[in-house]
Amino acid sequence: MDIYEFLKRTGGVARTAQLLSAGYSRTDIEHLTARGVTQPRRGVLVHPAANADFVAAIRHNAWLTCASAAEHYGLWLRNPPAEHHLACNHGHSRGFIRHRTSRFNPHPTLPLAAVEDVVLHAIGCLPAPASTAIATSAVRLHGVPLELLKDQLGGDRSRPVLAALRELDLRAESIVEVDAQYLFRANGIAFDAQVQIPGIGRVDFLIEGFLIVEVDGFAFHSTRKALRQDLARNNASTVNGYAVLRYPPEIIWYQPERVVAEIQAVIALKRPAP
């Protein structure tokens, strides 16, 4: 493979040692500058289309991890971090959040910590529900064993870690469902998730045995068929005596007090007067 294309496959940035170990000569490396590759510091080569996160990791002799690595692994994270989260053992640089303990081998070509370490760092660093969303998606999308996370964090008795482990609920199928779970728990609303109801189908949440709460994704009702099916489900819910509340993600995220108030109002209507 041409060295220029190889550099692109490493995220657009690499150390000289990495290129040499891949079989390229120093002459090959020297010729890269004529093709627009820059060298911001000795031993670091940057492609014109390099990913800025990867450049930051290589410049600091580190690996992206925690919230900074989530996007690159396709993990669920709503708000990208303002500072880079990097895994490294040295203390020679500033301007980033450092994670010192890495337990697994990093990504083979990109400056990314192993997905397992990304999750472990997130659980110990980020508040819920961001930490639980990253962990849940790692288990669901990458097959990271839940027992592995528990074993690795078994000796950690810090409150954030214990809370994150308690709140891991693998029934969530999207980040907005993780956020809804967190919202319900924070407000004392007991729920069951991904419930199969005869004659209706599977619903996102069932509360108090009669209130269905659905969280609709951005692509909802993308076809007329999807709309018809959804209307039929809604009607079947009513016919079978269920109340239904539906919310798009932005309501869960930006108007959580409205969601809680409406759920509590429906529950109050169902309960008999004292």
C-alpha atoms as a PDB file:
ATOM      1  CA  MET A   1       0.000   0.000   0.000  1.00  0.00           C
ATOM      2  CA  ASP A   2       1.185   3.499  -0.794  1.00  0.00           C
ATOM      3  CA  ILE A   3       2.506   5.205   2.343  1.00  0.00           C
ATOM      4  CA  TYR A   4       0.186   8.183   1.786  1.00  0.00           C
ATOM      5  CA  GLU A   5      -2.857   5.885   1.777  1.00  0.00           C
ATOM      6  CA  PHE A   6      -1.529   4.020   4.806  1.00  0.00           C
ATOM      7  CA  LEU A   7      -1.285   7.292   6.685  1.00  0.00           C
ATOM      8  CA  LYS A   8      -4.931   8.032   5.847  1.00  0.00           C
ATOM      9  CA  ARG A   9      -5.947   4.640   7.293  1.00  0.00           C
ATOM     10  CA  THR A  10      -4.281   5.457  10.598  1.00  0.00           C
ATOM     11  CA  GLY A  11      -6.631   8.413  11.023  1.00  0.00           C
ATOM     12  CA  GLY A  12      -4.285  10.768   9.179  1.00  0.00           C
ATOM     13  CA  VAL A  13      -1.544  10.869  11.802  1.00  0.00           C
ATOM     14  CA  ALA A  14       1.252   8.516  12.772  1.00  0.00           C
ATOM     15  CA  ARG A  15       4.603   8.406  14.449  1.00  0.00           C
ATOM     16  CA  THR A  16       7.704   7.711  12.400  1.00  0.00           C
ATOM     17  CA  ALA A  17       8.243   4.481  14.344  1.00  0.00           C
ATOM     18  CA  GLN A  18       4.773   3.255  13.343  1.00  0.00           C
ATOM     19  CA  LEU A  19       5.503   3.832   9.651  1.00  0.00           C
ATOM     20  CA  LEU A  20       8.887   2.135   9.911  1.00  0.00           C
ATOM     21  CA  SER A  21       7.384  -0.885  11.659  1.00  0.00           C
ATOM     22  CA  ALA A  22       4.822  -1.107   8.850  1.00  0.00           C
ATOM     23  CA  GLY A  23       7.674  -1.627   6.390  1.00  0.00           C
ATOM     24  CA  TYR A  24       8.166   1.850   4.928  1.00  0.00           C
ATOM     25  CA  SER A  25      11.621   3.360   4.563  1.00  0.00           C
ATOM     26  CA  ARG A  26      12.880   6.685   5.830  1.00  0.00           C
ATOM     27  CA  THR A  27      13.037   7.810   2.202  1.00  0.00           C
ATOM     28  CA  ASP A  28       9.318   7.027   1.834  1.00  0.00           C
ATOM     29  CA  ILE A  29       8.635   9.080   4.945  1.00  0.00           C
ATOM     30  CA  GLU A  30      10.729  12.017   3.744  1.00  0.00           C
ATOM     31  CA  HIS A  31       8.803  12.133   0.454  1.00  0.00           C
ATOM     32  CA  LEU A  32       5.502  12.607   2.311  1.00  0.00           C
ATOM     33  CA  THR A  33       6.171  16.317   2.843  1.00  0.00           C
ATOM     34  CA  ALA A  34       6.016  16.871  -0.924  1.00  0.00           C
ATOM     35  CA  ARG A  35       2.453  15.499  -0.837  1.00  0.00           C
ATOM     36  CA  GLY A  36       1.168  17.913   1.785  1.00  0.00           C
ATOM     37  CA  VAL A  37       1.990  15.930   4.919  1.00  0.00           C
ATOM     38  CA  THR A  38       3.207  18.141   7.768  1.00  0.00           C
ATOM     39  CA  GLN A  39       5.411  17.413  10.757  1.00  0.00           C
ATOM     40  CA  PRO A  40       4.185  19.494  13.737  1.00  0.00           C
ATOM     41  CA  ARG A  41       6.804  17.930  15.972  1.00  0.00           C
ATOM     42  CA  ARG A  42       9.682  15.555  15.545  1.00  0.00           C
ATOM     43  CA  GLY A  43       8.549  12.033  14.764  1.00  0.00           C
ATOM     44  CA  VAL A  44       4.887  12.959  14.118  1.00  0.00           C
ATOM     45  CA  LEU A  45       3.448  13.092  10.582  1.00  0.00           C
ATOM     46  CA  VAL A  46       0.024  14.576   9.829  1.00  0.00           C
ATOM     47  CA  HIS A  47      -2.035  14.040   6.689  1.00  0.00           C
ATOM     48  CA  PRO A  48      -3.935  17.120   5.347  1.00  0.00           C
ATOM     49  CA  ALA A  49      -7.251  15.379   6.127  1.00  0.00           C
ATOM     50  CA  ALA A  50      -6.210  14.069   9.534  1.00  0.00           C
ATOM     51  CA  ASN A  51      -8.757  13.725  12.301  1.00  0.00           C
ATOM     52  CA  ALA A  52      -8.123  16.446  14.889  1.00  0.00           C
ATOM     53  CA  ASP A  53      -8.797  14.077  17.809  1.00  0.00           C
ATOM     54  CA  PHE A  54      -6.223  11.603  16.545  1.00  0.00           C
ATOM     55  CA  VAL A  55      -3.672  14.368  16.022  1.00  0.00           C
ATOM     56  CA  ALA A  56      -4.122  15.492  19.634  1.00  0.00           C
ATOM     57  CA  ALA A  57      -3.615  11.937  20.870  1.00  0.00           C
ATOM     58  CA  ILE A  58      -0.420  11.374  18.895  1.00  0.00           C
ATOM     59  CA  ARG A  59       0.992  14.790  19.800  1.00  0.00           C
ATOM     60  CA  HIS A  60       0.570  13.931  23.479  1.00  0.00           C
ATOM     61  CA  ASN A  61       1.915  10.389  23.013  1.00  0.00           C
ATOM     62  CA  ALA A  62      -1.400   8.986  24.197  1.00  0.00           C
ATOM     63  CA  TRP A  63      -4.617   7.246  23.123  1.00  0.00           C
ATOM     64  CA  LEU A  64      -8.091   8.718  22.929  1.00  0.00           C
ATOM     65  CA  THR A  65     -10.382   7.292  25.573  1.00  0.00           C
ATOM     66  CA  CYS A  66     -13.544   7.940  27.596  1.00  0.00           C
ATOM     67  CA  ALA A  67     -15.810  10.580  26.014  1.00  0.00           C
ATOM     68  CA  SER A  68     -13.228  11.461  23.339  1.00  0.00           C
ATOM     69  CA  ALA A  69     -13.184   7.909  21.964  1.00  0.00           C
ATOM     70  CA  ALA A  70     -16.941   7.289  22.155  1.00  0.00           C
ATOM     71  CA  GLU A  71     -17.770   8.718  18.722  1.00  0.00           C
ATOM     72  CA  HIS A  72     -14.981   6.768  17.031  1.00  0.00           C
ATOM     73  CA  TYR A  73     -16.378   3.504  18.386  1.00  0.00           C
ATOM     74  CA  GLY A  74     -19.990   4.484  17.672  1.00  0.00           C
ATOM     75  CA  LEU A  75     -20.839   4.565  21.382  1.00  0.00           C
ATOM     76  CA  TRP A  76     -23.785   6.602  22.641  1.00  0.00           C
ATOM     77  CA  LEU A  77     -22.781  10.084  23.744  1.00  0.00           C
ATOM     78  CA  ARG A  78     -24.963  13.167  23.382  1.00  0.00           C
ATOM     79  CA  ASN A  79     -22.533  15.958  24.290  1.00  0.00           C
ATOM     80  CA  PRO A  80     -18.927  15.742  23.045  1.00  0.00           C
ATOM     81  CA  PRO A  81     -16.322  16.792  25.611  1.00  0.00           C
ATOM     82  CA  ALA A  82     -14.757  20.255  25.651  1.00  0.00           C
ATOM     83  CA  GLU A  83     -11.364  18.746  26.544  1.00  0.00           C
ATOM     84  CA  HIS A  84      -9.692  15.665  25.166  1.00  0.00           C
ATOM     85  CA  HIS A  85      -9.753  12.560  27.339  1.00  0.00           C
ATOM     86  CA  LEU A  86      -6.464  10.721  26.813  1.00  0.00           C
ATOM     87  CA  ALA A  87      -4.970   7.542  28.198  1.00  0.00           C
ATOM     88  CA  CYS A  88      -1.272   7.832  29.010  1.00  0.00           C
ATOM     89  CA  ASN A  89       1.191   6.974  31.746  1.00  0.00           C
ATOM     90  CA  HIS A  90       3.315  10.099  31.547  1.00  0.00           C
ATOM     91  CA  GLY A  91       2.651  13.510  33.073  1.00  0.00           C
ATOM     92  CA  HIS A  92       4.576  15.646  30.638  1.00  0.00           C
ATOM     93  CA  SER A  93       1.693  17.528  29.020  1.00  0.00           C
ATOM     94  CA  ARG A  94      -1.256  19.660  30.031  1.00  0.00           C
ATOM     95  CA  GLY A  95      -4.531  20.682  28.476  1.00  0.00           C
ATOM     96  CA  PHE A  96      -6.342  17.342  28.564  1.00  0.00           C
ATOM     97  CA  ILE A  97      -8.036  15.004  31.027  1.00  0.00           C
ATOM     98  CA  ARG A  98      -5.642  12.149  31.801  1.00  0.00           C
ATOM     99  CA  HIS A  99      -6.630   8.527  32.381  1.00  0.00           C
ATOM    100  CA  ARG A 100      -3.649   6.596  33.691  1.00  0.00           C
ATOM    101  CA  THR A 101      -4.810   2.987  33.988  1.00  0.00           C
ATOM    102  CA  SER A 102      -5.182   0.984  30.765  1.00  0.00           C
ATOM    103  CA  ARG A 103      -5.944  -2.706  31.092  1.00  0.00           C
ATOM    104  CA  PHE A 104      -6.337  -3.834  27.466  1.00  0.00           C
ATOM    105  CA  ASN A 105      -4.423  -3.570  24.194  1.00  0.00           C
ATOM    106  CA  PRO A 106      -5.281  -0.397  22.259  1.00  0.00           C
ATOM    107  CA  HIS A 107      -6.742  -0.249  18.747  1.00  0.00           C
ATOM    108  CA  PRO A 108      -4.291  -1.877  16.278  1.00  0.00           C
ATOM    109  CA  THR A 109      -4.058   1.083  13.860  1.00  0.00           C
ATOM    110  CA  LEU A 110      -5.787   4.123  15.348  1.00  0.00           C
ATOM    111  CA  PRO A 111      -4.710   6.056  18.467  1.00  0.00           C
ATOM    112  CA  LEU A 112      -7.679   4.711  20.422  1.00  0.00           C
ATOM    113  CA  ALA A 113      -7.695   2.937  23.750  1.00  0.00           C
ATOM    114  CA  ALA A 114      -9.410  -0.451  23.693  1.00  0.00           C
ATOM    115  CA  VAL A 115     -13.182  -0.165  23.791  1.00  0.00           C
ATOM    116  CA  GLU A 116     -13.137  -1.952  27.163  1.00  0.00           C
ATOM    117  CA  ASP A 117     -10.835   0.710  28.612  1.00  0.00           C
ATOM    118  CA  VAL A 118     -12.969   3.452  27.057  1.00  0.00           C
ATOM    119  CA  VAL A 119     -15.963   2.134  28.991  1.00  0.00           C
ATOM    120  CA  LEU A 120     -14.063   1.647  32.248  1.00  0.00           C
ATOM    121  CA  HIS A 121     -12.662   5.171  32.044  1.00  0.00           C
ATOM    122  CA  ALA A 122     -16.110   6.610  31.259  1.00  0.00           C
ATOM    123  CA  ILE A 123     -17.732   4.871  34.222  1.00  0.00           C
ATOM    124  CA  GLY A 124     -15.154   6.313  36.577  1.00  0.00           C
ATOM    125  CA  CYS A 125     -15.097   9.766  34.996  1.00  0.00           C
ATOM    126  CA  LEU A 126     -18.454  10.836  33.569  1.00  0.00           C
ATOM    127  CA  PRO A 127     -21.694  11.456  35.465  1.00  0.00           C
ATOM    128  CA  ALA A 128     -24.822   9.455  34.728  1.00  0.00           C
ATOM    129  CA  PRO A 129     -26.497   9.089  32.343  1.00  0.00           C
ATOM    130  CA  ALA A 130     -23.520   9.763  30.012  1.00  0.00           C
ATOM    131  CA  SER A 131     -21.457   7.007  31.639  1.00  0.00           C
ATOM    132  CA  THR A 132     -24.271   4.465  31.567  1.00  0.00           C
ATOM    133  CA  ALA A 133     -25.105   5.289  27.937  1.00  0.00           C
ATOM    134  CA  ILE A 134     -21.514   4.611  26.858  1.00  0.00           C
ATOM    135  CA  ALA A 135     -21.389   1.379  28.863  1.00  0.00           C
ATOM    136  CA  THR A 136     -24.772   0.143  27.627  1.00  0.00           C
ATOM    137  CA  SER A 137     -23.895   0.799  23.989  1.00  0.00           C
ATOM    138  CA  ALA A 138     -20.508  -0.914  24.374  1.00  0.00           C
ATOM    139  CA  VAL A 139     -22.224  -4.054  25.646  1.00  0.00           C
ATOM    140  CA  ARG A 140     -24.958  -3.952  22.998  1.00  0.00           C
ATOM    141  CA  LEU A 141     -22.887  -2.856  19.977  1.00  0.00           C
ATOM    142  CA  HIS A 142     -19.431  -4.270  20.700  1.00  0.00           C
ATOM    143  CA  GLY A 143     -20.232  -7.272  22.860  1.00  0.00           C
ATOM    144  CA  VAL A 144     -18.224  -6.045  25.844  1.00  0.00           C
ATOM    145  CA  PRO A 145     -19.176  -8.513  28.610  1.00  0.00           C
ATOM    146  CA  LEU A 146     -21.038  -6.918  31.485  1.00  0.00           C
ATOM    147  CA  GLU A 147     -19.324  -9.301  33.901  1.00  0.00           C
ATOM    148  CA  LEU A 148     -15.949  -8.058  32.688  1.00  0.00           C
ATOM    149  CA  LEU A 149     -16.883  -4.497  33.630  1.00  0.00           C
ATOM    150  CA  LYS A 150     -18.073  -5.609  37.043  1.00  0.00           C
ATOM    151  CA  ASP A 151     -14.931  -7.659  37.637  1.00  0.00           C
ATOM    152  CA  GLN A 152     -12.598  -4.831  36.607  1.00  0.00           C
ATOM    153  CA  LEU A 153     -14.418  -2.319  38.800  1.00  0.00           C
ATOM    154  CA  GLY A 154     -15.104  -4.700  41.658  1.00  0.00           C
ATOM    155  CA  GLY A 155     -12.555  -3.081  43.947  1.00  0.00           C
ATOM    156  CA  ASP A 156     -13.695   0.481  43.245  1.00  0.00           C
ATOM    157  CA  ARG A 157     -15.955   1.766  45.978  1.00  0.00           C
ATOM    158  CA  SER A 158     -16.385   5.330  44.711  1.00  0.00           C
ATOM    159  CA  ARG A 159     -19.974   6.550  44.554  1.00  0.00           C
ATOM    160  CA  PRO A 160     -19.990   7.426  40.819  1.00  0.00           C
ATOM    161  CA  VAL A 161     -18.716   3.984  39.837  1.00  0.00           C
ATOM    162  CA  LEU A 162     -21.148   2.121  42.071  1.00  0.00           C
ATOM    163  CA  ALA A 163     -24.049   4.262  40.846  1.00  0.00           C
ATOM    164  CA  ALA A 164     -23.118   3.693  37.196  1.00  0.00           C
ATOM    165  CA  LEU A 165     -22.933  -0.077  37.675  1.00  0.00           C
ATOM    166  CA  ARG A 166     -26.297  -0.130  39.463  1.00  0.00           C
ATOM    167  CA  GLU A 167     -27.951   1.853  36.680  1.00  0.00           C
ATOM    168  CA  LEU A 168     -26.736  -0.259  33.764  1.00  0.00           C
ATOM    169  CA  ASP A 169     -29.900  -1.527  32.108  1.00  0.00           C
ATOM    170  CA  LEU A 170     -29.175  -3.397  28.900  1.00  0.00           C
ATOM    171  CA  ARG A 171     -32.813  -3.280  27.829  1.00  0.00           C
ATOM    172  CA  ALA A 172     -32.261   0.268  26.539  1.00  0.00           C
ATOM    173  CA  GLU A 173     -31.990   0.293  22.735  1.00  0.00           C
ATOM    174  CA  SER A 174     -30.892   3.903  22.245  1.00  0.00           C
ATOM    175  CA  ILE A 175     -29.299   6.780  24.084  1.00  0.00           C
ATOM    176  CA  VAL A 176     -32.649   8.484  24.594  1.00  0.00           C
ATOM    177  CA  GLU A 177     -33.980   5.371  26.340  1.00  0.00           C
ATOM    178  CA  VAL A 178     -30.979   5.427  28.684  1.00  0.00           C
ATOM    179  CA  ASP A 179     -31.704   9.090  29.423  1.00  0.00           C
ATOM    180  CA  ALA A 180     -35.395   8.340  29.996  1.00  0.00           C
ATOM    181  CA  GLN A 181     -34.492   5.557  32.440  1.00  0.00           C
ATOM    182  CA  TYR A 182     -32.260   7.974  34.346  1.00  0.00           C
ATOM    183  CA  LEU A 183     -35.013  10.597  34.404  1.00  0.00           C
ATOM    184  CA  PHE A 184     -37.559   8.128  35.774  1.00  0.00           C
ATOM    185  CA  ARG A 185     -35.215   6.818  38.480  1.00  0.00           C
ATOM    186  CA  ALA A 186     -34.219  10.330  39.545  1.00  0.00           C
ATOM    187  CA  ASN A 187     -37.875  11.172  40.094  1.00  0.00           C
ATOM    188  CA  GLY A 188     -38.946   7.959  41.801  1.00  0.00           C
ATOM    189  CA  ILE A 189     -40.959   6.625  38.855  1.00  0.00           C
ATOM    190  CA  ALA A 190     -40.860   2.825  38.805  1.00  0.00           C
ATOM    191  CA  PHE A 191     -40.918   1.321  35.324  1.00  0.00           C
ATOM    192  CA  ASP A 192     -40.474  -1.828  33.312  1.00  0.00           C
ATOM    193  CA  ALA A 193     -38.663  -1.565  29.974  1.00  0.00           C
ATOM    194  CA  GLN A 194     -39.142  -3.253  26.590  1.00  0.00           C
ATOM    195  CA  VAL A 195     -42.360  -4.960  27.647  1.00  0.00           C
ATOM    196  CA  GLN A 196     -44.194  -7.301  25.279  1.00  0.00           C
ATOM    197  CA  ILE A 197     -47.959  -6.726  25.601  1.00  0.00           C
ATOM    198  CA  PRO A 198     -50.371  -9.156  23.870  1.00  0.00           C
ATOM    199  CA  GLY A 199     -52.328  -7.493  21.072  1.00  0.00           C
ATOM    200  CA  ILE A 200     -50.094  -4.401  21.155  1.00  0.00           C
ATOM    201  CA  GLY A 201     -46.506  -5.518  20.786  1.00  0.00           C
ATOM    202  CA  ARG A 202     -43.362  -4.379  22.505  1.00  0.00           C
ATOM    203  CA  VAL A 203     -43.417  -0.983  24.214  1.00  0.00           C
ATOM    204  CA  ASP A 204     -40.513   1.097  25.482  1.00  0.00           C
ATOM    205  CA  PHE A 205     -41.775   1.553  29.043  1.00  0.00           C
ATOM    206  CA  LEU A 206     -44.704   0.341  31.109  1.00  0.00           C
ATOM    207  CA  ILE A 207     -45.456   2.278  34.307  1.00  0.00           C
ATOM    208  CA  GLU A 208     -47.874   1.223  37.056  1.00  0.00           C
ATOM    209  CA  GLY A 209     -49.069  -1.607  34.820  1.00  0.00           C
ATOM    210  CA  PHE A 210     -51.282   0.649  32.693  1.00  0.00           C
ATOM    211  CA  LEU A 211     -49.267   3.632  31.380  1.00  0.00           C
ATOM    212  CA  ILE A 212     -47.264   3.073  28.205  1.00  0.00           C
ATOM    213  CA  VAL A 213     -44.487   5.580  27.541  1.00  0.00           C
ATOM    214  CA  GLU A 214     -42.917   5.501  24.100  1.00  0.00           C
ATOM    215  CA  VAL A 215     -39.774   7.373  23.070  1.00  0.00           C
ATOM    216  CA  ASP A 216     -39.873   7.975  19.327  1.00  0.00           C
ATOM    217  CA  GLY A 217     -36.637   8.221  17.339  1.00  0.00           C
ATOM    218  CA  PHE A 218     -35.821  10.862  14.733  1.00  0.00           C
ATOM    219  CA  ALA A 219     -36.709   8.567  11.823  1.00  0.00           C
ATOM    220  CA  PHE A 220     -40.131   7.736  13.205  1.00  0.00           C
ATOM    221  CA  HIS A 221     -42.961   7.625  10.636  1.00  0.00           C
ATOM    222  CA  SER A 222     -40.547   7.737   7.727  1.00  0.00           C
ATOM    223  CA  THR A 223     -43.132   5.904   5.605  1.00  0.00           C
ATOM    224  CA  ARG A 224     -46.907   5.777   5.386  1.00  0.00           C
ATOM    225  CA  LYS A 225     -46.762   2.107   6.362  1.00  0.00           C
ATOM    226  CA  ALA A 226     -44.907   2.988   9.556  1.00  0.00           C
ATOM    227  CA  LEU A 227     -47.525   5.633  10.337  1.00  0.00           C
ATOM    228  CA  ARG A 228     -50.405   3.190   9.811  1.00  0.00           C
ATOM    229  CA  GLN A 229     -48.770   0.569  12.002  1.00  0.00           C
ATOM    230  CA  ASP A 230     -48.168   3.071  14.742  1.00  0.00           C
ATOM    231  CA  LEU A 231     -51.736   4.377  14.677  1.00  0.00           C
ATOM    232  CA  ALA A 232     -52.973   0.795  14.923  1.00  0.00           C
ATOM    233  CA  ARG A 233     -50.731   0.189  17.951  1.00  0.00           C
ATOM    234  CA  ASN A 234     -51.978   3.359  19.570  1.00  0.00           C
ATOM    235  CA  ASN A 235     -55.602   2.384  19.019  1.00  0.00           C
ATOM    236  CA  ALA A 236     -54.973  -1.147  20.294  1.00  0.00           C
ATOM    237  CA  SER A 237     -53.425   0.306  23.453  1.00  0.00           C
ATOM    238  CA  THR A 238     -56.518   2.399  24.118  1.00  0.00           C
ATOM    239  CA  VAL A 239     -58.918  -0.451  23.339  1.00  0.00           C
ATOM    240  CA  ASN A 240     -57.054  -2.655  25.805  1.00  0.00           C
ATOM    241  CA  GLY A 241     -57.297  -0.059  28.563  1.00  0.00           C
ATOM    242  CA  TYR A 242     -53.806   1.426  28.478  1.00  0.00           C
ATOM    243  CA  ALA A 243     -52.941   5.098  28.667  1.00  0.00           C
ATOM    244  CA  VAL A 244     -50.192   6.221  26.276  1.00  0.00           C
ATOM    245  CA  LEU A 245     -47.672   9.063  26.406  1.00  0.00           C
ATOM    246  CA  ARG A 246     -45.199   9.601  23.551  1.00  0.00           C
ATOM    247  CA  TYR A 247     -42.129  11.801  23.445  1.00  0.00           C
ATOM    248  CA  PRO A 248     -39.494  12.664  20.850  1.00  0.00           C
ATOM    249  CA  PRO A 249     -35.888  12.755  22.099  1.00  0.00           C
ATOM    250  CA  GLU A 250     -35.733  16.543  22.386  1.00  0.00           C
ATOM    251  CA  ILE A 251     -38.553  16.570  24.945  1.00  0.00           C
ATOM    252  CA  ILE A 252     -36.779  13.975  27.095  1.00  0.00           C
ATOM    253  CA  TRP A 253     -33.559  15.994  26.865  1.00  0.00           C
ATOM    254  CA  TYR A 254     -34.728  19.596  27.058  1.00  0.00           C
ATOM    255  CA  GLN A 255     -38.081  19.457  28.866  1.00  0.00           C
ATOM    256  CA  PRO A 256     -37.656  16.640  31.407  1.00  0.00           C
ATOM    257  CA  GLU A 257     -39.845  18.412  33.961  1.00  0.00           C
ATOM    258  CA  ARG A 258     -42.751  18.282  31.487  1.00  0.00           C
ATOM    259  CA  VAL A 259     -42.278  14.531  31.012  1.00  0.00           C
ATOM    260  CA  VAL A 260     -42.243  13.891  34.759  1.00  0.00           C
ATOM    261  CA  ALA A 261     -45.260  16.141  35.391  1.00  0.00           C
ATOM    262  CA  GLU A 262     -47.353  14.461  32.691  1.00  0.00           C
ATOM    263  CA  ILE A 263     -46.497  10.949  33.885  1.00  0.00           C
ATOM    264  CA  GLN A 264     -47.348  11.876  37.461  1.00  0.00           C
ATOM    265  CA  ALA A 265     -50.618  13.501  36.330  1.00  0.00           C
ATOM    266  CA  VAL A 266     -51.725  10.355  34.464  1.00  0.00           C
ATOM    267  CA  ILE A 267     -50.843   8.164  37.443  1.00  0.00           C
ATOM    268  CA  ALA A 268     -52.802  10.463  39.771  1.00  0.00           C
ATOM    269  CA  LEU A 269     -55.882  10.243  37.542  1.00  0.00           C
ATOM    270  CA  LYS A 270     -55.824   6.448  37.670  1.00  0.00           C
ATOM    271  CA  ARG A 271     -55.420   6.135  41.436  1.00  0.00           C
ATOM    272  CA  PRO A 272     -58.638   6.136  43.448  1.00  0.00           C
ATOM    273  CA  ALA A 273     -59.385   9.203  45.547  1.00  0.00           C
ATOM    274  CA  PRO A 274     -58.655   8.797  49.285  1.00  0.00           C
END
